PDB file of N, CA and C in Angstrom:
ATOM      1  N   MET A   1      -5.745 -15.698  -8.896  1.00  0.00           N
ATOM      2  CA  MET A   1      -7.012 -15.236  -8.382  1.00  0.00           C
ATOM      3  C   MET A   1      -7.137 -15.385  -6.868  1.00  0.00           C
ATOM      4  N   LYS A   2      -6.822 -16.612  -6.422  1.00  0.00           N
ATOM      5  CA  LYS A   2      -6.847 -16.941  -5.072  1.00  0.00           C
ATOM      6  C   LYS A   2      -6.019 -16.021  -4.183  1.00  0.00           C
ATOM      7  N   ASN A   3      -4.826 -15.673  -4.751  1.00  0.00           N
ATOM      8  CA  ASN A   3      -3.877 -14.758  -4.077  1.00  0.00           C
ATOM      9  C   ASN A   3      -4.560 -13.421  -3.843  1.00  0.00           C
ATOM     10  N   ILE A   4      -5.317 -12.915  -4.885  1.00  0.00           N
ATOM     11  CA  ILE A   4      -5.994 -11.661  -4.742  1.00  0.00           C
ATOM     12  C   ILE A   4      -7.123 -11.714  -3.677  1.00  0.00           C
ATOM     13  N   LEU A   5      -7.912 -12.790  -3.685  1.00  0.00           N
ATOM     14  CA  LEU A   5      -9.035 -12.895  -2.774  1.00  0.00           C
ATOM     15  C   LEU A   5      -8.546 -12.984  -1.299  1.00  0.00           C
ATOM     16  N   GLN A   6      -7.363 -13.458  -1.046  1.00  0.00           N
ATOM     17  CA  GLN A   6      -6.948 -13.520   0.348  1.00  0.00           C
ATOM     18  C   GLN A   6      -6.728 -12.137   0.942  1.00  0.00           C
ATOM     19  N   HIS A   7      -6.651 -11.097   0.123  1.00  0.00           N
ATOM     20  CA  HIS A   7      -6.428  -9.752   0.601  1.00  0.00           C
ATOM     21  C   HIS A   7      -7.734  -8.978   0.739  1.00  0.00           C
ATOM     22  N   ILE A   8      -8.861  -9.657   0.304  1.00  0.00           N
ATOM     23  CA  ILE A   8     -10.185  -9.061   0.519  1.00  0.00           C
ATOM     24  C   ILE A   8     -10.522  -9.212   2.032  1.00  0.00           C
ATOM     25  N   ASN A   9     -10.727  -8.128   2.682  1.00  0.00           N
ATOM     26  CA  ASN A   9     -10.883  -8.172   4.132  1.00  0.00           C
ATOM     27  C   ASN A   9     -12.303  -8.011   4.523  1.00  0.00           C
ATOM     28  N   LYS A  10     -12.815  -9.037   5.263  1.00  0.00           N
ATOM     29  CA  LYS A  10     -14.176  -9.074   5.718  1.00  0.00           C
ATOM     30  C   LYS A  10     -14.498  -7.911   6.649  1.00  0.00           C
ATOM     31  N   ALA A  11     -13.528  -7.302   7.269  1.00  0.00           N
ATOM     32  CA  ALA A  11     -13.863  -6.210   8.137  1.00  0.00           C
ATOM     33  C   ALA A  11     -14.337  -5.018   7.410  1.00  0.00           C
ATOM     34  N   PHE A  12     -14.008  -4.988   6.108  1.00  0.00           N
ATOM     35  CA  PHE A  12     -14.445  -3.808   5.226  1.00  0.00           C
ATOM     36  C   PHE A  12     -15.615  -4.204   4.362  1.00  0.00           C
ATOM     37  N   ASP A  13     -16.315  -5.252   4.613  1.00  0.00           N
ATOM     38  CA  ASP A  13     -17.436  -5.652   3.764  1.00  0.00           C
ATOM     39  C   ASP A  13     -18.742  -4.967   3.812  1.00  0.00           C
ATOM     40  N   HIS A  14     -18.714  -3.916   4.594  1.00  0.00           N
ATOM     41  CA  HIS A  14     -19.887  -3.123   4.663  1.00  0.00           C
ATOM     42  C   HIS A  14     -19.616  -1.629   4.190  1.00  0.00           C
ATOM     43  N   ARG A  15     -20.601  -1.112   3.515  1.00  0.00           N
ATOM     44  CA  ARG A  15     -20.396   0.325   2.955  1.00  0.00           C
ATOM     45  C   ARG A  15     -20.007   1.335   4.053  1.00  0.00           C
ATOM     46  N   ILE A  16     -20.619   1.229   5.249  1.00  0.00           N
ATOM     47  CA  ILE A  16     -20.326   2.149   6.298  1.00  0.00           C
ATOM     48  C   ILE A  16     -18.914   2.021   6.761  1.00  0.00           C
ATOM     49  N   ARG A  17     -18.395   0.753   6.927  1.00  0.00           N
ATOM     50  CA  ARG A  17     -17.031   0.605   7.319  1.00  0.00           C
ATOM     51  C   ARG A  17     -16.074   1.067   6.247  1.00  0.00           C
ATOM     52  N   LEU A  18     -16.420   0.794   4.986  1.00  0.00           N
ATOM     53  CA  LEU A  18     -15.578   1.278   3.868  1.00  0.00           C
ATOM     54  C   LEU A  18     -15.600   2.799   3.913  1.00  0.00           C
ATOM     55  N   GLY A  19     -16.733   3.438   4.226  1.00  0.00           N
ATOM     56  CA  GLY A  19     -16.807   4.858   4.314  1.00  0.00           C
ATOM     57  C   GLY A  19     -16.007   5.492   5.434  1.00  0.00           C
ATOM     58  N   ILE A  20     -16.103   4.857   6.599  1.00  0.00           N
ATOM     59  CA  ILE A  20     -15.320   5.354   7.736  1.00  0.00           C
ATOM     60  C   ILE A  20     -13.797   5.288   7.435  1.00  0.00           C
ATOM     61  N   MET A  21     -13.429   4.176   6.958  1.00  0.00           N
ATOM     62  CA  MET A  21     -11.953   4.047   6.574  1.00  0.00           C
ATOM     63  C   MET A  21     -11.522   4.986   5.451  1.00  0.00           C
ATOM     64  N   SER A  22     -12.349   5.105   4.477  1.00  0.00           N
ATOM     65  CA  SER A  22     -12.017   6.038   3.439  1.00  0.00           C
ATOM     66  C   SER A  22     -11.820   7.457   3.918  1.00  0.00           C
ATOM     67  N   ILE A  23     -12.702   7.853   4.775  1.00  0.00           N
ATOM     68  CA  ILE A  23     -12.622   9.244   5.372  1.00  0.00           C
ATOM     69  C   ILE A  23     -11.372   9.357   6.202  1.00  0.00           C
ATOM     70  N   LEU A  24     -11.042   8.290   6.997  1.00  0.00           N
ATOM     71  CA  LEU A  24      -9.930   8.412   7.878  1.00  0.00           C
ATOM     72  C   LEU A  24      -8.555   8.266   7.108  1.00  0.00           C
ATOM     73  N   MET A  25      -8.614   7.686   5.935  1.00  0.00           N
ATOM     74  CA  MET A  25      -7.368   7.576   5.170  1.00  0.00           C
ATOM     75  C   MET A  25      -6.860   8.962   4.622  1.00  0.00           C
ATOM     76  N   VAL A  26      -7.858   9.854   4.439  1.00  0.00           N
ATOM     77  CA  VAL A  26      -7.445  11.157   3.835  1.00  0.00           C
ATOM     78  C   VAL A  26      -7.550  12.225   4.881  1.00  0.00           C
ATOM     79  N   ASN A  27      -7.833  11.920   6.156  1.00  0.00           N
ATOM     80  CA  ASN A  27      -7.926  12.897   7.253  1.00  0.00           C
ATOM     81  C   ASN A  27      -7.227  12.392   8.406  1.00  0.00           C
ATOM     82  N   GLU A  28      -6.552  13.229   9.152  1.00  0.00           N
ATOM     83  CA  GLU A  28      -5.856  12.827  10.393  1.00  0.00           C
ATOM     84  C   GLU A  28      -6.786  12.083  11.391  1.00  0.00           C
ATOM     85  N   TYR A  29      -8.023  12.659  11.469  1.00  0.00           N
ATOM     86  CA  TYR A  29      -9.063  12.097  12.278  1.00  0.00           C
ATOM     87  C   TYR A  29     -10.411  12.674  11.796  1.00  0.00           C
ATOM     88  N   ALA A  30     -11.472  12.102  12.337  1.00  0.00           N
ATOM     89  CA  ALA A  30     -12.931  12.603  12.078  1.00  0.00           C
ATOM     90  C   ALA A  30     -13.643  12.385  13.273  1.00  0.00           C
ATOM     91  N   ASP A  31     -14.498  13.369  13.647  1.00  0.00           N
ATOM     92  CA  ASP A  31     -15.351  13.170  14.815  1.00  0.00           C
ATOM     93  C   ASP A  31     -16.642  12.503  14.471  1.00  0.00           C
ATOM     94  N   PHE A  32     -17.426  12.059  15.473  1.00  0.00           N
ATOM     95  CA  PHE A  32     -18.576  11.337  15.306  1.00  0.00           C
ATOM     96  C   PHE A  32     -19.630  12.036  14.412  1.00  0.00           C
ATOM     97  N   ASN A  33     -19.861  13.345  14.644  1.00  0.00           N
ATOM     98  CA  ASN A  33     -20.876  14.055  13.944  1.00  0.00           C
ATOM     99  C   ASN A  33     -20.529  14.213  12.404  1.00  0.00           C
ATOM    100  N   THR A  34     -19.173  14.398  12.196  1.00  0.00           N
ATOM    101  CA  THR A  34     -18.707  14.578  10.772  1.00  0.00           C
ATOM    102  C   THR A  34     -18.942  13.199  10.059  1.00  0.00           C
ATOM    103  N   LEU A  35     -18.548  12.102  10.709  1.00  0.00           N
ATOM    104  CA  LEU A  35     -18.721  10.813  10.015  1.00  0.00           C
ATOM    105  C   LEU A  35     -20.273  10.540   9.775  1.00  0.00           C
ATOM    106  N   LYS A  36     -21.031  10.856  10.790  1.00  0.00           N
ATOM    107  CA  LYS A  36     -22.482  10.688  10.686  1.00  0.00           C
ATOM    108  C   LYS A  36     -23.062  11.427   9.527  1.00  0.00           C
ATOM    109  N   GLU A  37     -22.635  12.647   9.436  1.00  0.00           N
ATOM    110  CA  GLU A  37     -23.181  13.553   8.341  1.00  0.00           C
ATOM    111  C   GLU A  37     -22.682  13.088   6.967  1.00  0.00           C
ATOM    112  N   LEU A  38     -21.327  12.818   6.856  1.00  0.00           N
ATOM    113  CA  LEU A  38     -20.816  12.397   5.547  1.00  0.00           C
ATOM    114  C   LEU A  38     -21.373  11.052   5.000  1.00  0.00           C
ATOM    115  N   LEU A  39     -21.590  10.197   6.001  1.00  0.00           N
ATOM    116  CA  LEU A  39     -22.086   8.867   5.574  1.00  0.00           C
ATOM    117  C   LEU A  39     -23.654   8.688   5.592  1.00  0.00           C
ATOM    118  N   GLY A  40     -24.281   9.684   6.141  1.00  0.00           N
ATOM    119  CA  GLY A  40     -25.757   9.666   6.138  1.00  0.00           C
ATOM    120  C   GLY A  40     -26.284   8.460   6.935  1.00  0.00           C
ATOM    121  N   VAL A  41     -25.804   8.205   8.234  1.00  0.00           N
ATOM    122  CA  VAL A  41     -26.272   7.071   8.972  1.00  0.00           C
ATOM    123  C   VAL A  41     -26.693   7.500  10.373  1.00  0.00           C
ATOM    124  N   THR A  42     -27.409   6.602  11.012  1.00  0.00           N
ATOM    125  CA  THR A  42     -27.847   6.868  12.387  1.00  0.00           C
ATOM    126  C   THR A  42     -26.743   6.763  13.398  1.00  0.00           C
ATOM    127  N   ASP A  43     -26.976   7.354  14.565  1.00  0.00           N
ATOM    128  CA  ASP A  43     -26.023   7.185  15.626  1.00  0.00           C
ATOM    129  C   ASP A  43     -25.614   5.707  15.950  1.00  0.00           C
ATOM    130  N   GLY A  44     -26.600   4.889  16.107  1.00  0.00           N
ATOM    131  CA  GLY A  44     -26.472   3.575  16.431  1.00  0.00           C
ATOM    132  C   GLY A  44     -25.663   2.728  15.401  1.00  0.00           C
ATOM    133  N   ASN A  45     -26.027   3.071  14.127  1.00  0.00           N
ATOM    134  CA  ASN A  45     -25.410   2.391  12.968  1.00  0.00           C
ATOM    135  C   ASN A  45     -23.879   2.729  12.969  1.00  0.00           C
ATOM    136  N   LEU A  46     -23.624   3.976  13.035  1.00  0.00           N
ATOM    137  CA  LEU A  46     -22.224   4.467  12.967  1.00  0.00           C
ATOM    138  C   LEU A  46     -21.440   3.867  14.208  1.00  0.00           C
ATOM    139  N   ALA A  47     -22.088   3.922  15.385  1.00  0.00           N
ATOM    140  CA  ALA A  47     -21.365   3.384  16.575  1.00  0.00           C
ATOM    141  C   ALA A  47     -21.021   1.963  16.457  1.00  0.00           C
ATOM    142  N   SER A  48     -22.011   1.153  15.940  1.00  0.00           N
ATOM    143  CA  SER A  48     -21.711  -0.258  15.908  1.00  0.00           C
ATOM    144  C   SER A  48     -20.642  -0.665  14.818  1.00  0.00           C
ATOM    145  N   HIS A  49     -20.608   0.130  13.706  1.00  0.00           N
ATOM    146  CA  HIS A  49     -19.582  -0.190  12.659  1.00  0.00           C
ATOM    147  C   HIS A  49     -18.255   0.354  13.172  1.00  0.00           C
ATOM    148  N   ALA A  50     -18.220   1.422  13.834  1.00  0.00           N
ATOM    149  CA  ALA A  50     -16.949   1.997  14.374  1.00  0.00           C
ATOM    150  C   ALA A  50     -16.452   0.970  15.422  1.00  0.00           C
ATOM    151  N   LYS A  51     -17.334   0.477  16.262  1.00  0.00           N
ATOM    152  CA  LYS A  51     -16.861  -0.505  17.291  1.00  0.00           C
ATOM    153  C   LYS A  51     -16.228  -1.738  16.607  1.00  0.00           C
ATOM    154  N   ALA A  52     -16.821  -2.269  15.496  1.00  0.00           N
ATOM    155  CA  ALA A  52     -16.280  -3.367  14.776  1.00  0.00           C
ATOM    156  C   ALA A  52     -14.848  -3.068  14.292  1.00  0.00           C
ATOM    157  N   LEU A  53     -14.608  -1.882  13.767  1.00  0.00           N
ATOM    158  CA  LEU A  53     -13.304  -1.527  13.243  1.00  0.00           C
ATOM    159  C   LEU A  53     -12.337  -1.310  14.460  1.00  0.00           C
ATOM    160  N   GLU A  54     -12.859  -0.864  15.565  1.00  0.00           N
ATOM    161  CA  GLU A  54     -12.039  -0.677  16.743  1.00  0.00           C
ATOM    162  C   GLU A  54     -11.556  -2.065  17.329  1.00  0.00           C
ATOM    163  N   THR A  55     -12.515  -2.999  17.291  1.00  0.00           N
ATOM    164  CA  THR A  55     -12.262  -4.358  17.744  1.00  0.00           C
ATOM    165  C   THR A  55     -11.133  -4.979  16.954  1.00  0.00           C
ATOM    166  N   GLU A  56     -11.108  -4.638  15.658  1.00  0.00           N
ATOM    167  CA  GLU A  56     -10.045  -5.217  14.804  1.00  0.00           C
ATOM    168  C   GLU A  56      -8.730  -4.453  14.927  1.00  0.00           C
ATOM    169  N   SER A  57      -8.707  -3.420  15.761  1.00  0.00           N
ATOM    170  CA  SER A  57      -7.528  -2.514  15.900  1.00  0.00           C
ATOM    171  C   SER A  57      -7.288  -1.688  14.655  1.00  0.00           C
ATOM    172  N   TYR A  58      -8.249  -1.421  13.814  1.00  0.00           N
ATOM    173  CA  TYR A  58      -8.094  -0.667  12.590  1.00  0.00           C
ATOM    174  C   TYR A  58      -8.289   0.906  12.937  1.00  0.00           C
ATOM    175  N   ILE A  59      -8.999   1.184  13.964  1.00  0.00           N
ATOM    176  CA  ILE A  59      -9.188   2.606  14.353  1.00  0.00           C
ATOM    177  C   ILE A  59      -9.083   2.663  15.852  1.00  0.00           C
ATOM    178  N   THR A  60      -8.667   3.857  16.304  1.00  0.00           N
ATOM    179  CA  THR A  60      -8.740   4.167  17.722  1.00  0.00           C
ATOM    180  C   THR A  60      -9.770   5.256  18.006  1.00  0.00           C
ATOM    181  N   VAL A  61     -10.333   5.203  19.109  1.00  0.00           N
ATOM    182  CA  VAL A  61     -11.377   6.127  19.529  1.00  0.00           C
ATOM    183  C   VAL A  61     -10.901   6.994  20.691  1.00  0.00           C
ATOM    184  N   GLU A  62     -10.963   8.322  20.550  1.00  0.00           N
ATOM    185  CA  GLU A  62     -10.629   9.292  21.603  1.00  0.00           C
ATOM    186  C   GLU A  62     -11.883   9.982  22.023  1.00  0.00           C
ATOM    187  N   LYS A  63     -12.170   9.982  23.299  1.00  0.00           N
ATOM    188  CA  LYS A  63     -13.333  10.607  23.789  1.00  0.00           C
ATOM    189  C   LYS A  63     -12.797  11.816  24.670  1.00  0.00           C
ATOM    190  N   GLN A  64     -13.419  12.993  24.542  1.00  0.00           N
ATOM    191  CA  GLN A  64     -13.039  14.149  25.265  1.00  0.00           C
ATOM    192  C   GLN A  64     -14.196  15.096  25.365  1.00  0.00           C
ATOM    193  N   PHE A  65     -14.022  16.169  26.117  1.00  0.00           N
ATOM    194  CA  PHE A  65     -15.096  17.193  26.181  1.00  0.00           C
ATOM    195  C   PHE A  65     -14.556  18.480  25.530  1.00  0.00           C
ATOM    196  N   ILE A  66     -15.383  19.082  24.743  1.00  0.00           N
ATOM    197  CA  ILE A  66     -15.086  20.408  24.203  1.00  0.00           C
ATOM    198  C   ILE A  66     -16.133  21.280  24.771  1.00  0.00           C
ATOM    199  N   GLY A  67     -15.676  22.138  25.778  1.00  0.00           N
ATOM    200  CA  GLY A  67     -16.618  22.825  26.667  1.00  0.00           C
ATOM    201  C   GLY A  67     -17.306  21.918  27.470  1.00  0.00           C
ATOM    202  N   LYS A  68     -18.617  21.859  27.389  1.00  0.00           N
ATOM    203  CA  LYS A  68     -19.421  20.909  28.191  1.00  0.00           C
ATOM    204  C   LYS A  68     -19.889  19.736  27.279  1.00  0.00           C
ATOM    205  N   LYS A  69     -19.535  19.796  26.020  1.00  0.00           N
ATOM    206  CA  LYS A  69     -20.064  18.773  25.102  1.00  0.00           C
ATOM    207  C   LYS A  69     -19.119  17.678  24.925  1.00  0.00           C
ATOM    208  N   PRO A  70     -19.565  16.418  25.004  1.00  0.00           N
ATOM    209  CA  PRO A  70     -18.722  15.298  24.724  1.00  0.00           C
ATOM    210  C   PRO A  70     -18.355  15.269  23.192  1.00  0.00           C
ATOM    211  N   ASN A  71     -17.119  14.796  22.946  1.00  0.00           N
ATOM    212  CA  ASN A  71     -16.672  14.784  21.573  1.00  0.00           C
ATOM    213  C   ASN A  71     -15.903  13.435  21.405  1.00  0.00           C
ATOM    214  N   THR A  72     -16.371  12.671  20.355  1.00  0.00           N
ATOM    215  CA  THR A  72     -15.665  11.421  20.068  1.00  0.00           C
ATOM    216  C   THR A  72     -15.005  11.540  18.694  1.00  0.00           C
ATOM    217  N   ARG A  73     -13.682  11.229  18.719  1.00  0.00           N
ATOM    218  CA  ARG A  73     -13.053  11.285  17.386  1.00  0.00           C
ATOM    219  C   ARG A  73     -12.407   9.918  17.082  1.00  0.00           C
ATOM    220  N   TYR A  74     -12.278   9.616  15.782  1.00  0.00           N
ATOM    221  CA  TYR A  74     -11.775   8.375  15.265  1.00  0.00           C
ATOM    222  C   TYR A  74     -10.555   8.649  14.468  1.00  0.00           C
ATOM    223  N   ILE A  75      -9.502   7.747  14.694  1.00  0.00           N
ATOM    224  CA  ILE A  75      -8.284   7.849  13.990  1.00  0.00           C
ATOM    225  C   ILE A  75      -7.850   6.482  13.437  1.00  0.00           C
ATOM    226  N   ALA A  76      -7.505   6.427  12.214  1.00  0.00           N
ATOM    227  CA  ALA A  76      -7.059   5.147  11.638  1.00  0.00           C
ATOM    228  C   ALA A  76      -5.686   4.790  12.151  1.00  0.00           C
ATOM    229  N   THR A  77      -5.589   3.505  12.603  1.00  0.00           N
ATOM    230  CA  THR A  77      -4.234   3.100  13.066  1.00  0.00           C
ATOM    231  C   THR A  77      -3.382   2.696  11.969  1.00  0.00           C
ATOM    232  N   LYS A  78      -2.129   2.567  12.216  1.00  0.00           N
ATOM    233  CA  LYS A  78      -1.132   2.140  11.191  1.00  0.00           C
ATOM    234  C   LYS A  78      -1.532   0.797  10.617  1.00  0.00           C
ATOM    235  N   GLU A  79      -1.951  -0.065  11.452  1.00  0.00           N
ATOM    236  CA  GLU A  79      -2.362  -1.402  10.999  1.00  0.00           C
ATOM    237  C   GLU A  79      -3.713  -1.322  10.201  1.00  0.00           C
ATOM    238  N   GLY A  80      -4.568  -0.324  10.594  1.00  0.00           N
ATOM    239  CA  GLY A  80      -5.830  -0.140   9.865  1.00  0.00           C
ATOM    240  C   GLY A  80      -5.527   0.436   8.441  1.00  0.00           C
ATOM    241  N   ARG A  81      -4.634   1.350   8.392  1.00  0.00           N
ATOM    242  CA  ARG A  81      -4.226   1.913   7.040  1.00  0.00           C
ATOM    243  C   ARG A  81      -3.732   0.889   6.191  1.00  0.00           C
ATOM    244  N   LYS A  82      -2.778   0.060   6.691  1.00  0.00           N
ATOM    245  CA  LYS A  82      -2.201  -1.003   5.897  1.00  0.00           C
ATOM    246  C   LYS A  82      -3.228  -2.029   5.361  1.00  0.00           C
ATOM    247  N   ALA A  83      -4.100  -2.467   6.331  1.00  0.00           N
ATOM    248  CA  ALA A  83      -5.127  -3.501   5.890  1.00  0.00           C
ATOM    249  C   ALA A  83      -6.112  -2.834   4.915  1.00  0.00           C
ATOM    250  N   PHE A  84      -6.439  -1.549   5.048  1.00  0.00           N
ATOM    251  CA  PHE A  84      -7.380  -0.943   4.171  1.00  0.00           C
ATOM    252  C   PHE A  84      -6.799  -0.853   2.714  1.00  0.00           C
ATOM    253  N   LYS A  85      -5.545  -0.433   2.754  1.00  0.00           N
ATOM    254  CA  LYS A  85      -4.841  -0.269   1.441  1.00  0.00           C
ATOM    255  C   LYS A  85      -4.737  -1.641   0.715  1.00  0.00           C
ATOM    256  N   GLU A  86      -4.454  -2.656   1.417  1.00  0.00           N
ATOM    257  CA  GLU A  86      -4.351  -4.014   0.908  1.00  0.00           C
ATOM    258  C   GLU A  86      -5.689  -4.438   0.311  1.00  0.00           C
ATOM    259  N   HIS A  87      -6.784  -4.138   1.072  1.00  0.00           N
ATOM    260  CA  HIS A  87      -8.124  -4.405   0.596  1.00  0.00           C
ATOM    261  C   HIS A  87      -8.513  -3.694  -0.653  1.00  0.00           C
ATOM    262  N   ILE A  88      -8.232  -2.431  -0.700  1.00  0.00           N
ATOM    263  CA  ILE A  88      -8.514  -1.620  -1.932  1.00  0.00           C
ATOM    264  C   ILE A  88      -7.746  -2.110  -3.066  1.00  0.00           C
ATOM    265  N   ASP A  89      -6.391  -2.339  -2.875  1.00  0.00           N
ATOM    266  CA  ASP A  89      -5.568  -2.911  -3.944  1.00  0.00           C
ATOM    267  C   ASP A  89      -6.131  -4.239  -4.461  1.00  0.00           C
ATOM    268  N   ALA A  90      -6.546  -5.122  -3.603  1.00  0.00           N
ATOM    269  CA  ALA A  90      -7.118  -6.360  -3.995  1.00  0.00           C
ATOM    270  C   ALA A  90      -8.363  -6.251  -4.842  1.00  0.00           C
ATOM    271  N   LEU A  91      -9.275  -5.243  -4.372  1.00  0.00           N
ATOM    272  CA  LEU A  91     -10.453  -5.018  -5.180  1.00  0.00           C
ATOM    273  C   LEU A  91     -10.143  -4.468  -6.497  1.00  0.00           C
ATOM    274  N   GLU A  92      -9.154  -3.551  -6.649  1.00  0.00           N
ATOM    275  CA  GLU A  92      -8.735  -2.988  -7.921  1.00  0.00           C
ATOM    276  C   GLU A  92      -8.202  -4.109  -8.800  1.00  0.00           C
ATOM    277  N   LYS A  93      -7.395  -5.021  -8.282  1.00  0.00           N
ATOM    278  CA  LYS A  93      -6.853  -6.149  -9.081  1.00  0.00           C
ATOM    279  C   LYS A  93      -8.036  -7.059  -9.559  1.00  0.00           C
ATOM    280  N   LEU A  94      -8.961  -7.291  -8.695  1.00  0.00           N
ATOM    281  CA  LEU A  94     -10.085  -8.146  -9.011  1.00  0.00           C
ATOM    282  C   LEU A  94     -10.938  -7.513 -10.153  1.00  0.00           C
ATOM    283  N   ILE A  95     -11.139  -6.233 -10.078  1.00  0.00           N
ATOM    284  CA  ILE A  95     -11.897  -5.535 -11.095  1.00  0.00           C
ATOM    285  C   ILE A  95     -11.164  -5.598 -12.480  1.00  0.00           C
ATOM    286  N   GLN A  96      -9.852  -5.422 -12.420  1.00  0.00           N
ATOM    287  CA  GLN A  96      -9.054  -5.449 -13.681  1.00  0.00           C
ATOM    288  C   GLN A  96      -8.959  -6.800 -14.299  1.00  0.00           C
ATOM    289  N   LYS A  97      -9.197  -7.905 -13.502  1.00  0.00           N
ATOM    290  CA  LYS A  97      -9.173  -9.279 -14.048  1.00  0.00           C
ATOM    291  C   LYS A  97     -10.603  -9.534 -14.701  1.00  0.00           C
ATOM    292  N   SER A  98     -11.550  -8.829 -14.354  1.00  0.00           N
ATOM    293  CA  SER A  98     -12.907  -9.094 -14.918  1.00  0.00           C
ATOM    294  C   SER A  98     -12.971  -8.737 -16.324  1.00  0.00           C
TER     295      SER A  98
END
């Protein structure tokens, strides 16, 4: 049991961070407005959770302009994908033990 719990990652302990990573695991990238719409969150909420994942090096942030509009897109890093997969695997094992 202790072995399983060591793979539970505190960086993913919030539903918004879980959501961001889940979306990025199945998409090459997602932009700010797409994540905001899919997760049903405010600008500030999304930005702060994305920043937390960026600080952990689990996602990278690319800022660009499309026409005259700023566009921010998020991409899961290799490290982020590995950490998230380990987290989900640990949760599944924990559920199976219950």
